[in-house]
Structure formats: structure tokens, C-alpha cells
Amino acid sequence: MSGDKKEETRERTKMLVELRKEFADEVKRAQTIMKEQQVARKRLEKAMAEGPRSVLQLASETGVAAHEVLWHVASMKKYGIVCEAGTDESGDYFLYSLTGEAKS
């Protein structure tokens, strides 16, 4: 590696170290949020593995707030992890179940 390239690499490394220090709190906060979301997602998947559930049923069974359940279900539906499985007995709420790929 030429001298200019080595110096450029050192400067870039120094800059990255400084940025990591400067934004350490934000990175840690983002990591915490992602871990919490993964835990919630696993709880929802476990509940749906037992059969189709509505958003309200999932919220009640998992302890995850209904608005968060709806957000997770919408995301999971977008990526083919869950699908609509009819409606509840009253016909008021959609039921969601894991797709075949998500069960395996």
C-alpha cells in the first residue's frame, strides 16, 4: 500500500472511532429497541404457532401493546411471515396465522 493510501486509511479509521464515540448513546438506544422488537416478535410467533389469532388476542396473550402488535403483524404480513386467516366469530377482526415458510 502506498504512503498516501495508508494515511487515508488511518484518517478514515480515526474518523470512524470518533463517530462511534460521539454517537455511542444513539447506537446503544437503537440496539435496545431492536432487541425489544425481536423479543416481541418471537412472542407473537409463538402465540400464532398455536393457531390463528386477532391483534387483540395476540396483545392479550403476549402482553405486547395492541398498537405494537398491529405494527408487527403488518410488517410480518408484508414479508410473508403471516397471512390473514379469516375473521373472528363476530366477524369484526381479522385473524392472522403463520405462513408455511414461517412455521418450519
PDB file of N, CA and C in Angstrom:
ATOM      1  N   MET A   1       0.847  -1.166   0.000  1.00  0.00           N
ATOM      2  CA  MET A   1       0.000   0.000   0.000  1.00  0.00           C
ATOM      3  C   MET A   1       0.899   1.237   0.000  1.00  0.00           C
ATOM      4  N   SER A   2       0.551   2.208  -0.804  1.00  0.00           N
ATOM      5  CA  SER A   2       1.373   3.415  -0.870  1.00  0.00           C
ATOM      6  C   SER A   2       1.173   4.264   0.383  1.00  0.00           C
ATOM      7  N   GLY A   3       2.068   5.199   0.590  1.00  0.00           N
ATOM      8  CA  GLY A   3       2.011   6.070   1.758  1.00  0.00           C
ATOM      9  C   GLY A   3       0.728   6.874   1.813  1.00  0.00           C
ATOM     10  N   ASP A   4       0.273   7.365   0.660  1.00  0.00           N
ATOM     11  CA  ASP A   4      -0.968   8.149   0.615  1.00  0.00           C
ATOM     12  C   ASP A   4      -2.163   7.292   1.018  1.00  0.00           C
ATOM     13  N   LYS A   5      -2.205   6.077   0.548  1.00  0.00           N
ATOM     14  CA  LYS A   5      -3.312   5.171   0.876  1.00  0.00           C
ATOM     15  C   LYS A   5      -3.313   4.831   2.362  1.00  0.00           C
ATOM     16  N   LYS A   6      -2.132   4.593   2.919  1.00  0.00           N
ATOM     17  CA  LYS A   6      -2.043   4.283   4.344  1.00  0.00           C
ATOM     18  C   LYS A   6      -2.530   5.449   5.185  1.00  0.00           C
ATOM     19  N   GLU A   7      -2.123   6.655   4.812  1.00  0.00           N
ATOM     20  CA  GLU A   7      -2.542   7.851   5.547  1.00  0.00           C
ATOM     21  C   GLU A   7      -4.059   8.044   5.427  1.00  0.00           C
ATOM     22  N   GLU A   8      -4.576   7.818   4.251  1.00  0.00           N
ATOM     23  CA  GLU A   8      -6.021   7.929   4.019  1.00  0.00           C
ATOM     24  C   GLU A   8      -6.785   6.919   4.884  1.00  0.00           C
ATOM     25  N   THR A   9      -6.279   5.713   4.966  1.00  0.00           N
ATOM     26  CA  THR A   9      -6.895   4.668   5.782  1.00  0.00           C
ATOM     27  C   THR A   9      -6.844   5.036   7.254  1.00  0.00           C
ATOM     28  N   ARG A  10      -5.708   5.563   7.712  1.00  0.00           N
ATOM     29  CA  ARG A  10      -5.582   5.992   9.112  1.00  0.00           C
ATOM     30  C   ARG A  10      -6.587   7.091   9.438  1.00  0.00           C
ATOM     31  N   GLU A  11      -6.715   8.070   8.553  1.00  0.00           N
ATOM     32  CA  GLU A  11      -7.646   9.181   8.773  1.00  0.00           C
ATOM     33  C   GLU A  11      -9.093   8.680   8.829  1.00  0.00           C
ATOM     34  N   ARG A  12      -9.428   7.769   7.927  1.00  0.00           N
ATOM     35  CA  ARG A  12     -10.784   7.209   7.908  1.00  0.00           C
ATOM     36  C   ARG A  12     -11.056   6.428   9.196  1.00  0.00           C
ATOM     37  N   THR A  13     -10.090   5.648   9.634  1.00  0.00           N
ATOM     38  CA  THR A  13     -10.230   4.880  10.865  1.00  0.00           C
ATOM     39  C   THR A  13     -10.399   5.805  12.057  1.00  0.00           C
ATOM     40  N   LYS A  14      -9.608   6.851  12.120  1.00  0.00           N
ATOM     41  CA  LYS A  14      -9.695   7.832  13.201  1.00  0.00           C
ATOM     42  C   LYS A  14     -11.087   8.483  13.211  1.00  0.00           C
ATOM     43  N   MET A  15     -11.563   8.861  12.038  1.00  0.00           N
ATOM     44  CA  MET A  15     -12.882   9.482  11.927  1.00  0.00           C
ATOM     45  C   MET A  15     -13.977   8.533  12.416  1.00  0.00           C
ATOM     46  N   LEU A  16     -13.893   7.259  12.044  1.00  0.00           N
ATOM     47  CA  LEU A  16     -14.899   6.280  12.462  1.00  0.00           C
ATOM     48  C   LEU A  16     -14.880   6.065  13.970  1.00  0.00           C
ATOM     49  N   VAL A  17     -13.715   6.032  14.556  1.00  0.00           N
ATOM     50  CA  VAL A  17     -13.589   5.879  16.009  1.00  0.00           C
ATOM     51  C   VAL A  17     -14.248   7.068  16.702  1.00  0.00           C
ATOM     52  N   GLU A  18     -14.007   8.259  16.209  1.00  0.00           N
ATOM     53  CA  GLU A  18     -14.602   9.462  16.793  1.00  0.00           C
ATOM     54  C   GLU A  18     -16.131   9.448  16.652  1.00  0.00           C
ATOM     55  N   LEU A  19     -16.614   9.026  15.492  1.00  0.00           N
ATOM     56  CA  LEU A  19     -18.064   8.950  15.289  1.00  0.00           C
ATOM     57  C   LEU A  19     -18.708   7.933  16.219  1.00  0.00           C
ATOM     58  N   ARG A  20     -18.053   6.796  16.414  1.00  0.00           N
ATOM     59  CA  ARG A  20     -18.581   5.780  17.330  1.00  0.00           C
ATOM     60  C   ARG A  20     -18.683   6.326  18.744  1.00  0.00           C
ATOM     61  N   LYS A  21     -17.678   7.083  19.160  1.00  0.00           N
ATOM     62  CA  LYS A  21     -17.714   7.690  20.490  1.00  0.00           C
ATOM     63  C   LYS A  21     -18.826   8.734  20.575  1.00  0.00           C
ATOM     64  N   GLU A  22     -18.936   9.565  19.558  1.00  0.00           N
ATOM     65  CA  GLU A  22     -19.911  10.654  19.556  1.00  0.00           C
ATOM     66  C   GLU A  22     -21.349  10.143  19.586  1.00  0.00           C
ATOM     67  N   PHE A  23     -21.610   9.062  18.861  1.00  0.00           N
ATOM     68  CA  PHE A  23     -22.973   8.559  18.742  1.00  0.00           C
ATOM     69  C   PHE A  23     -23.212   7.268  19.522  1.00  0.00           C
ATOM     70  N   ALA A  24     -22.393   7.002  20.515  1.00  0.00           N
ATOM     71  CA  ALA A  24     -22.496   5.760  21.286  1.00  0.00           C
ATOM     72  C   ALA A  24     -23.870   5.608  21.932  1.00  0.00           C
ATOM     73  N   ASP A  25     -24.411   6.689  22.489  1.00  0.00           N
ATOM     74  CA  ASP A  25     -25.719   6.608  23.142  1.00  0.00           C
ATOM     75  C   ASP A  25     -26.822   6.266  22.149  1.00  0.00           C
ATOM     76  N   GLU A  26     -26.782   6.888  20.968  1.00  0.00           N
ATOM     77  CA  GLU A  26     -27.797   6.622  19.954  1.00  0.00           C
ATOM     78  C   GLU A  26     -27.726   5.181  19.453  1.00  0.00           C
ATOM     79  N   VAL A  27     -26.511   4.692  19.261  1.00  0.00           N
ATOM     80  CA  VAL A  27     -26.329   3.307  18.806  1.00  0.00           C
ATOM     81  C   VAL A  27     -26.856   2.345  19.860  1.00  0.00           C
ATOM     82  N   LYS A  28     -26.532   2.607  21.114  1.00  0.00           N
ATOM     83  CA  LYS A  28     -26.992   1.735  22.198  1.00  0.00           C
ATOM     84  C   LYS A  28     -28.516   1.739  22.287  1.00  0.00           C
ATOM     85  N   ARG A  29     -29.125   2.911  22.151  1.00  0.00           N
ATOM     86  CA  ARG A  29     -30.581   3.024  22.193  1.00  0.00           C
ATOM     87  C   ARG A  29     -31.224   2.241  21.036  1.00  0.00           C
ATOM     88  N   ALA A  30     -30.661   2.372  19.848  1.00  0.00           N
ATOM     89  CA  ALA A  30     -31.185   1.643  18.690  1.00  0.00           C
ATOM     90  C   ALA A  30     -31.054   0.132  18.888  1.00  0.00           C
ATOM     91  N   GLN A  31     -29.936  -0.312  19.437  1.00  0.00           N
ATOM     92  CA  GLN A  31     -29.736  -1.736  19.692  1.00  0.00           C
ATOM     93  C   GLN A  31     -30.746  -2.259  20.706  1.00  0.00           C
ATOM     94  N   THR A  32     -31.035  -1.473  21.730  1.00  0.00           N
ATOM     95  CA  THR A  32     -32.017  -1.852  22.746  1.00  0.00           C
ATOM     96  C   THR A  32     -33.406  -1.998  22.129  1.00  0.00           C
ATOM     97  N   ILE A  33     -33.775  -1.047  21.291  1.00  0.00           N
ATOM     98  CA  ILE A  33     -35.086  -1.097  20.628  1.00  0.00           C
ATOM     99  C   ILE A  33     -35.184  -2.339  19.746  1.00  0.00           C
ATOM    100  N   MET A  34     -34.135  -2.622  19.005  1.00  0.00           N
ATOM    101  CA  MET A  34     -34.153  -3.791  18.122  1.00  0.00           C
ATOM    102  C   MET A  34     -34.282  -5.084  18.920  1.00  0.00           C
ATOM    103  N   LYS A  35     -33.609  -5.176  20.053  1.00  0.00           N
ATOM    104  CA  LYS A  35     -33.706  -6.378  20.889  1.00  0.00           C
ATOM    105  C   LYS A  35     -35.122  -6.539  21.426  1.00  0.00           C
ATOM    106  N   GLU A  36     -35.723  -5.433  21.869  1.00  0.00           N
ATOM    107  CA  GLU A  36     -37.095  -5.484  22.375  1.00  0.00           C
ATOM    108  C   GLU A  36     -38.064  -5.917  21.280  1.00  0.00           C
ATOM    109  N   GLN A  37     -37.856  -5.431  20.073  1.00  0.00           N
ATOM    110  CA  GLN A  37     -38.714  -5.814  18.959  1.00  0.00           C
ATOM    111  C   GLN A  37     -38.565  -7.294  18.628  1.00  0.00           C
ATOM    112  N   GLN A  38     -37.362  -7.814  18.707  1.00  0.00           N
ATOM    113  CA  GLN A  38     -37.140  -9.235  18.441  1.00  0.00           C
ATOM    114  C   GLN A  38     -37.838 -10.102  19.479  1.00  0.00           C
ATOM    115  N   VAL A  39     -37.800  -9.685  20.732  1.00  0.00           N
ATOM    116  CA  VAL A  39     -38.474 -10.429  21.799  1.00  0.00           C
ATOM    117  C   VAL A  39     -39.980 -10.424  21.549  1.00  0.00           C
ATOM    118  N   ALA A  40     -40.537  -9.258  21.230  1.00  0.00           N
ATOM    119  CA  ALA A  40     -41.969  -9.154  20.957  1.00  0.00           C
ATOM    120  C   ALA A  40     -42.348 -10.011  19.762  1.00  0.00           C
ATOM    121  N   ARG A  41     -41.556  -9.971  18.716  1.00  0.00           N
ATOM    122  CA  ARG A  41     -41.845 -10.745  17.506  1.00  0.00           C
ATOM    123  C   ARG A  41     -41.856 -12.237  17.815  1.00  0.00           C
ATOM    124  N   LYS A  42     -40.919 -12.698  18.624  1.00  0.00           N
ATOM    125  CA  LYS A  42     -40.870 -14.121  18.986  1.00  0.00           C
ATOM    126  C   LYS A  42     -42.098 -14.524  19.801  1.00  0.00           C
ATOM    127  N   ARG A  43     -42.529 -13.642  20.706  1.00  0.00           N
ATOM    128  CA  ARG A  43     -43.745 -13.931  21.482  1.00  0.00           C
ATOM    129  C   ARG A  43     -44.959 -14.042  20.570  1.00  0.00           C
ATOM    130  N   LEU A  44     -45.057 -13.142  19.613  1.00  0.00           N
ATOM    131  CA  LEU A  44     -46.190 -13.167  18.683  1.00  0.00           C
ATOM    132  C   LEU A  44     -46.158 -14.435  17.833  1.00  0.00           C
ATOM    133  N   GLU A  45     -44.987 -14.792  17.339  1.00  0.00           N
ATOM    134  CA  GLU A  45     -44.870 -16.002  16.524  1.00  0.00           C
ATOM    135  C   GLU A  45     -45.232 -17.243  17.332  1.00  0.00           C
ATOM    136  N   LYS A  46     -44.816 -17.279  18.587  1.00  0.00           N
ATOM    137  CA  LYS A  46     -45.136 -18.427  19.447  1.00  0.00           C
ATOM    138  C   LYS A  46     -46.647 -18.538  19.640  1.00  0.00           C
ATOM    139  N   ALA A  47     -47.315 -17.408  19.877  1.00  0.00           N
ATOM    140  CA  ALA A  47     -48.771 -17.425  20.055  1.00  0.00           C
ATOM    141  C   ALA A  47     -49.471 -17.852  18.774  1.00  0.00           C
ATOM    142  N   MET A  48     -49.016 -17.365  17.628  1.00  0.00           N
ATOM    143  CA  MET A  48     -49.649 -17.733  16.354  1.00  0.00           C
ATOM    144  C   MET A  48     -49.346 -19.166  15.953  1.00  0.00           C
ATOM    145  N   ALA A  49     -48.284 -19.737  16.486  1.00  0.00           N
ATOM    146  CA  ALA A  49     -47.964 -21.131  16.179  1.00  0.00           C
ATOM    147  C   ALA A  49     -49.037 -22.069  16.724  1.00  0.00           C
ATOM    148  N   GLU A  50     -49.770 -21.600  17.731  1.00  0.00           N
ATOM    149  CA  GLU A  50     -50.848 -22.404  18.321  1.00  0.00           C
ATOM    150  C   GLU A  50     -52.156 -22.254  17.564  1.00  0.00           C
ATOM    151  N   GLY A  51     -52.195 -21.362  16.594  1.00  0.00           N
ATOM    152  CA  GLY A  51     -53.393 -21.174  15.783  1.00  0.00           C
ATOM    153  C   GLY A  51     -53.617 -19.710  15.464  1.00  0.00           C
ATOM    154  N   PRO A  52     -54.554 -19.436  14.554  1.00  0.00           N
ATOM    155  CA  PRO A  52     -54.836 -18.051  14.158  1.00  0.00           C
ATOM    156  C   PRO A  52     -55.276 -17.202  15.347  1.00  0.00           C
ATOM    157  N   ARG A  53     -54.824 -15.953  15.343  1.00  0.00           N
ATOM    158  CA  ARG A  53     -55.148 -15.021  16.419  1.00  0.00           C
ATOM    159  C   ARG A  53     -55.447 -13.644  15.826  1.00  0.00           C
ATOM    160  N   SER A  54     -56.319 -12.893  16.520  1.00  0.00           N
ATOM    161  CA  SER A  54     -56.555 -11.498  16.150  1.00  0.00           C
ATOM    162  C   SER A  54     -55.505 -10.638  16.838  1.00  0.00           C
ATOM    163  N   VAL A  55     -55.426  -9.387  16.434  1.00  0.00           N
ATOM    164  CA  VAL A  55     -54.484  -8.459  17.061  1.00  0.00           C
ATOM    165  C   VAL A  55     -54.781  -8.344  18.554  1.00  0.00           C
ATOM    166  N   LEU A  56     -56.060  -8.231  18.900  1.00  0.00           N
ATOM    167  CA  LEU A  56     -56.421  -8.108  20.315  1.00  0.00           C
ATOM    168  C   LEU A  56     -56.073  -9.367  21.103  1.00  0.00           C
ATOM    169  N   GLN A  57     -56.297 -10.533  20.516  1.00  0.00           N
ATOM    170  CA  GLN A  57     -55.936 -11.779  21.188  1.00  0.00           C
ATOM    171  C   GLN A  57     -54.426 -11.860  21.396  1.00  0.00           C
ATOM    172  N   LEU A  58     -53.680 -11.486  20.366  1.00  0.00           N
ATOM    173  CA  LEU A  58     -52.222 -11.507  20.480  1.00  0.00           C
ATOM    174  C   LEU A  58     -51.746 -10.552  21.563  1.00  0.00           C
ATOM    175  N   ALA A  59     -52.335  -9.367  21.615  1.00  0.00           N
ATOM    176  CA  ALA A  59     -51.955  -8.392  22.638  1.00  0.00           C
ATOM    177  C   ALA A  59     -52.233  -8.945  24.033  1.00  0.00           C
ATOM    178  N   SER A  60     -53.396  -9.556  24.187  1.00  0.00           N
ATOM    179  CA  SER A  60     -53.786 -10.098  25.481  1.00  0.00           C
ATOM    180  C   SER A  60     -52.878 -11.258  25.902  1.00  0.00           C
ATOM    181  N   GLU A  61     -52.570 -12.144  24.972  1.00  0.00           N
ATOM    182  CA  GLU A  61     -51.770 -13.332  25.290  1.00  0.00           C
ATOM    183  C   GLU A  61     -50.291 -13.027  25.506  1.00  0.00           C
ATOM    184  N   THR A  62     -49.770 -12.021  24.819  1.00  0.00           N
ATOM    185  CA  THR A  62     -48.325 -11.766  24.864  1.00  0.00           C
ATOM    186  C   THR A  62     -47.929 -10.609  25.768  1.00  0.00           C
ATOM    187  N   GLY A  63     -48.878  -9.767  26.111  1.00  0.00           N
ATOM    188  CA  GLY A  63     -48.548  -8.590  26.905  1.00  0.00           C
ATOM    189  C   GLY A  63     -47.951  -7.458  26.090  1.00  0.00           C
ATOM    190  N   VAL A  64     -47.934  -7.610  24.780  1.00  0.00           N
ATOM    191  CA  VAL A  64     -47.447  -6.554  23.883  1.00  0.00           C
ATOM    192  C   VAL A  64     -48.632  -5.629  23.593  1.00  0.00           C
ATOM    193  N   ALA A  65     -48.408  -4.330  23.635  1.00  0.00           N
ATOM    194  CA  ALA A  65     -49.481  -3.369  23.396  1.00  0.00           C
ATOM    195  C   ALA A  65     -50.103  -3.590  22.019  1.00  0.00           C
ATOM    196  N   ALA A  66     -51.416  -3.411  21.932  1.00  0.00           N
ATOM    197  CA  ALA A  66     -52.151  -3.681  20.690  1.00  0.00           C
ATOM    198  C   ALA A  66     -51.596  -2.896  19.502  1.00  0.00           C
ATOM    199  N   HIS A  67     -51.240  -1.636  19.710  1.00  0.00           N
ATOM    200  CA  HIS A  67     -50.712  -0.857  18.584  1.00  0.00           C
ATOM    201  C   HIS A  67     -49.368  -1.403  18.110  1.00  0.00           C
ATOM    202  N   GLU A  68     -48.584  -1.963  19.021  1.00  0.00           N
ATOM    203  CA  GLU A  68     -47.318  -2.583  18.630  1.00  0.00           C
ATOM    204  C   GLU A  68     -47.562  -3.912  17.922  1.00  0.00           C
ATOM    205  N   VAL A  69     -48.550  -4.674  18.402  1.00  0.00           N
ATOM    206  CA  VAL A  69     -48.904  -5.934  17.742  1.00  0.00           C
ATOM    207  C   VAL A  69     -49.316  -5.657  16.309  1.00  0.00           C
ATOM    208  N   LEU A  70     -50.160  -4.639  16.127  1.00  0.00           N
ATOM    209  CA  LEU A  70     -50.615  -4.295  14.775  1.00  0.00           C
ATOM    210  C   LEU A  70     -49.428  -3.947  13.880  1.00  0.00           C
ATOM    211  N   TRP A  71     -48.486  -3.191  14.409  1.00  0.00           N
ATOM    212  CA  TRP A  71     -47.293  -2.816  13.643  1.00  0.00           C
ATOM    213  C   TRP A  71     -46.498  -4.061  13.253  1.00  0.00           C
ATOM    214  N   HIS A  72     -46.290  -4.967  14.212  1.00  0.00           N
ATOM    215  CA  HIS A  72     -45.536  -6.195  13.934  1.00  0.00           C
ATOM    216  C   HIS A  72     -46.275  -7.068  12.919  1.00  0.00           C
ATOM    217  N   VAL A  73     -47.577  -7.229  13.113  1.00  0.00           N
ATOM    218  CA  VAL A  73     -48.358  -8.074  12.203  1.00  0.00           C
ATOM    219  C   VAL A  73     -48.316  -7.506  10.784  1.00  0.00           C
ATOM    220  N   ALA A  74     -48.451  -6.189  10.660  1.00  0.00           N
ATOM    221  CA  ALA A  74     -48.387  -5.570   9.331  1.00  0.00           C
ATOM    222  C   ALA A  74     -47.032  -5.823   8.677  1.00  0.00           C
ATOM    223  N   SER A  75     -45.963  -5.697   9.460  1.00  0.00           N
ATOM    224  CA  SER A  75     -44.620  -5.957   8.930  1.00  0.00           C
ATOM    225  C   SER A  75     -44.456  -7.423   8.553  1.00  0.00           C
ATOM    226  N   MET A  76     -44.918  -8.289   9.417  1.00  0.00           N
ATOM    227  CA  MET A  76     -44.794  -9.724   9.162  1.00  0.00           C
ATOM    228  C   MET A  76     -45.618 -10.129   7.941  1.00  0.00           C
ATOM    229  N   LYS A  77     -46.762  -9.488   7.765  1.00  0.00           N
ATOM    230  CA  LYS A  77     -47.594  -9.781   6.589  1.00  0.00           C
ATOM    231  C   LYS A  77     -46.884  -9.305   5.320  1.00  0.00           C
ATOM    232  N   LYS A  78     -46.299  -8.129   5.381  1.00  0.00           N
ATOM    233  CA  LYS A  78     -45.587  -7.574   4.226  1.00  0.00           C
ATOM    234  C   LYS A  78     -44.500  -8.524   3.741  1.00  0.00           C
ATOM    235  N   TYR A  79     -43.811  -9.171   4.664  1.00  0.00           N
ATOM    236  CA  TYR A  79     -42.702 -10.040   4.307  1.00  0.00           C
ATOM    237  C   TYR A  79     -43.074 -11.519   4.238  1.00  0.00           C
ATOM    238  N   GLY A  80     -44.381 -11.805   4.244  1.00  0.00           N
ATOM    239  CA  GLY A  80     -44.835 -13.174   4.039  1.00  0.00           C
ATOM    240  C   GLY A  80     -44.666 -14.099   5.225  1.00  0.00           C
ATOM    241  N   ILE A  81     -44.499 -13.552   6.418  1.00  0.00           N
ATOM    242  CA  ILE A  81     -44.332 -14.374   7.618  1.00  0.00           C
ATOM    243  C   ILE A  81     -45.692 -14.786   8.162  1.00  0.00           C
ATOM    244  N   VAL A  82     -46.670 -13.888   8.051  1.00  0.00           N
ATOM    245  CA  VAL A  82     -48.045 -14.195   8.451  1.00  0.00           C
ATOM    246  C   VAL A  82     -48.986 -13.887   7.293  1.00  0.00           C
ATOM    247  N   CYS A  83     -50.184 -14.441   7.390  1.00  0.00           N
ATOM    248  CA  CYS A  83     -51.219 -14.154   6.410  1.00  0.00           C
ATOM    249  C   CYS A  83     -52.563 -14.070   7.129  1.00  0.00           C
ATOM    250  N   GLU A  84     -53.531 -13.455   6.477  1.00  0.00           N
ATOM    251  CA  GLU A  84     -54.867 -13.394   7.044  1.00  0.00           C
ATOM    252  C   GLU A  84     -55.468 -14.789   6.993  1.00  0.00           C
ATOM    253  N   ALA A  85     -56.180 -15.135   8.070  1.00  0.00           N
ATOM    254  CA  ALA A  85     -56.765 -16.475   8.171  1.00  0.00           C
ATOM    255  C   ALA A  85     -58.247 -16.352   8.534  1.00  0.00           C
ATOM    256  N   GLY A  86     -58.944 -15.472   7.852  1.00  0.00           N
ATOM    257  CA  GLY A  86     -60.366 -15.296   8.110  1.00  0.00           C
ATOM    258  C   GLY A  86     -60.614 -14.218   9.149  1.00  0.00           C
ATOM    259  N   THR A  87     -61.793 -14.315   9.773  1.00  0.00           N
ATOM    260  CA  THR A  87     -62.150 -13.351  10.813  1.00  0.00           C
ATOM    261  C   THR A  87     -62.553 -14.101  12.069  1.00  0.00           C
ATOM    262  N   ASP A  88     -62.666 -13.349  13.171  1.00  0.00           N
ATOM    263  CA  ASP A  88     -63.083 -13.977  14.429  1.00  0.00           C
ATOM    264  C   ASP A  88     -64.582 -14.307  14.357  1.00  0.00           C
ATOM    265  N   GLU A  89     -65.115 -14.861  15.424  1.00  0.00           N
ATOM    266  CA  GLU A  89     -66.509 -15.299  15.447  1.00  0.00           C
ATOM    267  C   GLU A  89     -67.484 -14.166  15.179  1.00  0.00           C
ATOM    268  N   SER A  90     -67.156 -12.969  15.632  1.00  0.00           N
ATOM    269  CA  SER A  90     -68.049 -11.822  15.422  1.00  0.00           C
ATOM    270  C   SER A  90     -67.921 -11.256  14.016  1.00  0.00           C
ATOM    271  N   GLY A  91     -66.839 -11.596  13.332  1.00  0.00           N
ATOM    272  CA  GLY A  91     -66.602 -11.064  12.002  1.00  0.00           C
ATOM    273  C   GLY A  91     -66.006  -9.670  12.022  1.00  0.00           C
ATOM    274  N   ASP A  92     -65.659  -9.186  13.203  1.00  0.00           N
ATOM    275  CA  ASP A  92     -65.148  -7.823  13.345  1.00  0.00           C
ATOM    276  C   ASP A  92     -63.631  -7.710  13.183  1.00  0.00           C
ATOM    277  N   TYR A  93     -62.910  -8.772  13.496  1.00  0.00           N
ATOM    278  CA  TYR A  93     -61.449  -8.695  13.498  1.00  0.00           C
ATOM    279  C   TYR A  93     -60.845  -9.788  12.629  1.00  0.00           C
ATOM    280  N   PHE A  94     -59.809  -9.412  11.878  1.00  0.00           N
ATOM    281  CA  PHE A  94     -59.084 -10.395  11.093  1.00  0.00           C
ATOM    282  C   PHE A  94     -58.260 -11.275  12.014  1.00  0.00           C
ATOM    283  N   LEU A  95     -58.132 -12.527  11.623  1.00  0.00           N
ATOM    284  CA  LEU A  95     -57.244 -13.458  12.310  1.00  0.00           C
ATOM    285  C   LEU A  95     -55.992 -13.604  11.458  1.00  0.00           C
ATOM    286  N   TYR A  96     -54.876 -13.783  12.118  1.00  0.00           N
ATOM    287  CA  TYR A  96     -53.601 -13.937  11.424  1.00  0.00           C
ATOM    288  C   TYR A  96     -52.936 -15.231  11.864  1.00  0.00           C
ATOM    289  N   SER A  97     -52.303 -15.893  10.908  1.00  0.00           N
ATOM    290  CA  SER A  97     -51.575 -17.116  11.225  1.00  0.00           C
ATOM    291  C   SER A  97     -50.233 -17.089  10.513  1.00  0.00           C
ATOM    292  N   LEU A  98     -49.332 -17.907  11.008  1.00  0.00           N
ATOM    293  CA  LEU A  98     -48.019 -18.024  10.364  1.00  0.00           C
ATOM    294  C   LEU A  98     -48.173 -18.697   9.016  1.00  0.00           C
ATOM    295  N   THR A  99     -47.385 -18.274   8.060  1.00  0.00           N
ATOM    296  CA  THR A  99     -47.380 -18.944   6.763  1.00  0.00           C
ATOM    297  C   THR A  99     -46.581 -20.234   6.888  1.00  0.00           C
ATOM    298  N   GLY A 100     -46.669 -21.082   5.915  1.00  0.00           N
ATOM    299  CA  GLY A 100     -45.951 -22.353   5.952  1.00  0.00           C
ATOM    300  C   GLY A 100     -44.459 -22.173   6.103  1.00  0.00           C
ATOM    301  N   GLU A 101     -43.872 -21.164   5.427  1.00  0.00           N
ATOM    302  CA  GLU A 101     -42.428 -20.941   5.498  1.00  0.00           C
ATOM    303  C   GLU A 101     -42.023 -20.531   6.904  1.00  0.00           C
ATOM    304  N   ALA A 102     -42.870 -19.758   7.580  1.00  0.00           N
ATOM    305  CA  ALA A 102     -42.521 -19.278   8.910  1.00  0.00           C
ATOM    306  C   ALA A 102     -42.605 -20.381   9.959  1.00  0.00           C
ATOM    307  N   LYS A 103     -43.429 -21.398   9.715  1.00  0.00           N
ATOM    308  CA  LYS A 103     -43.605 -22.482  10.686  1.00  0.00           C
ATOM    309  C   LYS A 103     -42.434 -23.430  10.721  1.00  0.00           C
ATOM    310  N   SER A 104     -41.722 -23.515   9.597  1.00  0.00           N
ATOM    311  CA  SER A 104     -40.635 -24.504   9.541  1.00  0.00           C
ATOM    312  C   SER A 104     -39.347 -23.988  10.091  1.00  0.00           C
TER     313      SER A 104
END
